[in-house]
Amino acid sequence: MISDKTREQFEAWAATKGMGRHLARADSGLYVSRVTQNYMDCWMASRAGQAAEVQSQLDALSAARPYVAFAFSEGMDGSHEAGLQLDAALTKDGSN
């Protein structure tokens, strides 16, 4: 079953491709135009592939978090300290 939000997104995309007049649906929910239904099937498959790729990337980031978080926080501490030093130098110089 296709959610209303997903169908709305597809139909908005399809309208930009000149299919706005071919979005009539049968009682089954399938598009009357077989071409439009084929586009919908392909569109759904591409979104599923994107979702799988994003999930894979999220899993990798989650696994790396213990290692990356320390490096990130150390880098942020260093940049914060450098920013404070720059602020102090500008204030002292009067260039602020």
Protein backbone atom coordinates (compact mmCIF):
# COMPACT_ATOMS: atom_id res chain seq x y z
CA MET A 1 0.00 0.00 0.00
CA ILE A 2 1.34 3.41 -0.96
CA SER A 3 0.94 6.16 1.60
CA ASP A 4 -0.93 9.33 0.69
CA LYS A 5 2.23 11.36 1.27
CA THR A 6 4.27 9.16 -1.07
CA ARG A 7 1.57 9.31 -3.75
CA GLU A 8 1.38 13.10 -3.35
CA GLN A 9 5.16 13.39 -3.79
CA PHE A 10 5.09 11.18 -6.89
CA GLU A 11 2.20 13.09 -8.44
CA ALA A 12 3.94 16.42 -7.83
CA TRP A 13 7.05 15.04 -9.55
CA ALA A 14 5.01 13.47 -12.36
CA ALA A 15 3.24 16.77 -13.03
CA THR A 16 6.62 18.42 -13.68
CA LYS A 17 7.30 15.72 -16.29
CA GLY A 18 4.10 16.37 -18.27
CA MET A 19 2.07 13.52 -16.77
CA GLY A 20 -0.40 15.75 -14.91
CA ARG A 21 -3.30 14.67 -17.14
CA HIS A 22 -2.46 10.98 -16.73
CA LEU A 23 -2.84 10.59 -12.97
CA ALA A 24 -6.32 9.05 -12.91
CA ARG A 25 -6.52 5.94 -10.73
CA ALA A 26 -8.70 2.86 -10.86
CA ASP A 27 -10.53 1.48 -7.82
CA SER A 28 -7.50 -0.72 -7.17
CA GLY A 29 -5.37 2.40 -6.60
CA LEU A 30 -3.25 1.72 -9.67
CA TYR A 31 -2.95 4.40 -12.31
CA VAL A 32 -5.17 3.88 -15.34
CA SER A 33 -2.29 4.83 -17.60
CA ARG A 34 0.08 1.88 -17.68
CA VAL A 35 2.94 4.26 -18.52
CA THR A 36 2.20 6.35 -15.42
CA GLN A 37 1.99 3.19 -13.31
CA ASN A 38 5.36 2.07 -14.69
CA TYR A 39 6.84 5.44 -13.73
CA MET A 40 5.35 5.07 -10.25
CA ASP A 41 6.83 1.58 -9.88
CA CYS A 42 10.26 2.83 -10.95
CA TRP A 43 10.00 5.91 -8.73
CA MET A 44 9.14 3.74 -5.72
CA ALA A 45 12.05 1.38 -6.47
CA SER A 46 14.47 4.30 -6.69
CA ARG A 47 13.27 5.65 -3.34
CA ALA A 48 13.68 2.23 -1.75
CA GLY A 49 17.25 2.07 -3.06
CA GLN A 50 17.98 5.53 -1.69
CA ALA A 51 16.51 4.61 1.69
CA ALA A 52 18.68 1.49 1.86
CA GLU A 53 21.79 3.51 0.97
CA VAL A 54 21.01 6.16 3.57
CA GLN A 55 20.39 3.49 6.21
CA SER A 56 23.72 1.87 5.37
CA GLN A 57 25.49 5.21 5.79
CA LEU A 58 23.69 5.87 9.09
CA ASP A 59 24.72 2.45 10.37
CA ALA A 60 28.36 3.15 9.46
CA LEU A 61 28.26 6.55 11.17
CA SER A 62 26.66 5.04 14.23
CA ALA A 63 29.38 2.39 14.44
CA ALA A 64 32.09 5.06 14.10
CA ARG A 65 30.54 7.45 16.62
CA PRO A 66 32.67 6.40 19.63
CA TYR A 67 35.82 7.12 17.63
CA VAL A 68 34.63 10.19 15.73
CA ALA A 69 32.94 11.91 18.67
CA PHE A 70 36.19 12.19 20.61
CA ALA A 71 38.08 13.60 17.63
CA PHE A 72 35.23 15.96 16.83
CA SER A 73 34.96 17.26 20.38
CA GLU A 74 38.74 17.71 20.58
CA GLY A 75 38.66 19.65 17.32
CA MET A 76 35.78 21.80 18.53
CA ASP A 77 37.59 22.56 21.77
CA GLY A 78 40.64 23.63 19.79
CA SER A 79 38.66 25.82 17.39
CA HIS A 80 36.76 27.40 20.28
CA GLU A 81 40.03 28.22 22.02
CA ALA A 82 41.50 29.64 18.80
CA GLY A 83 38.37 31.77 18.31
CA LEU A 84 38.67 33.20 21.80
CA GLN A 85 42.32 34.02 21.19
CA LEU A 86 41.39 35.76 17.93
CA ASP A 87 38.62 37.73 19.66
CA ALA A 88 41.07 38.82 22.37
CA ALA A 89 43.65 39.86 19.78
CA LEU A 90 41.13 41.90 17.78
CA THR A 91 39.81 43.61 20.91
CA LYS A 92 43.32 44.43 22.10
CA ASP A 93 44.26 45.70 18.62
CA GLY A 94 41.12 47.81 18.35
CA SER A 95 40.25 46.29 14.96
CA ASN A 96 36.94 45.02 16.24
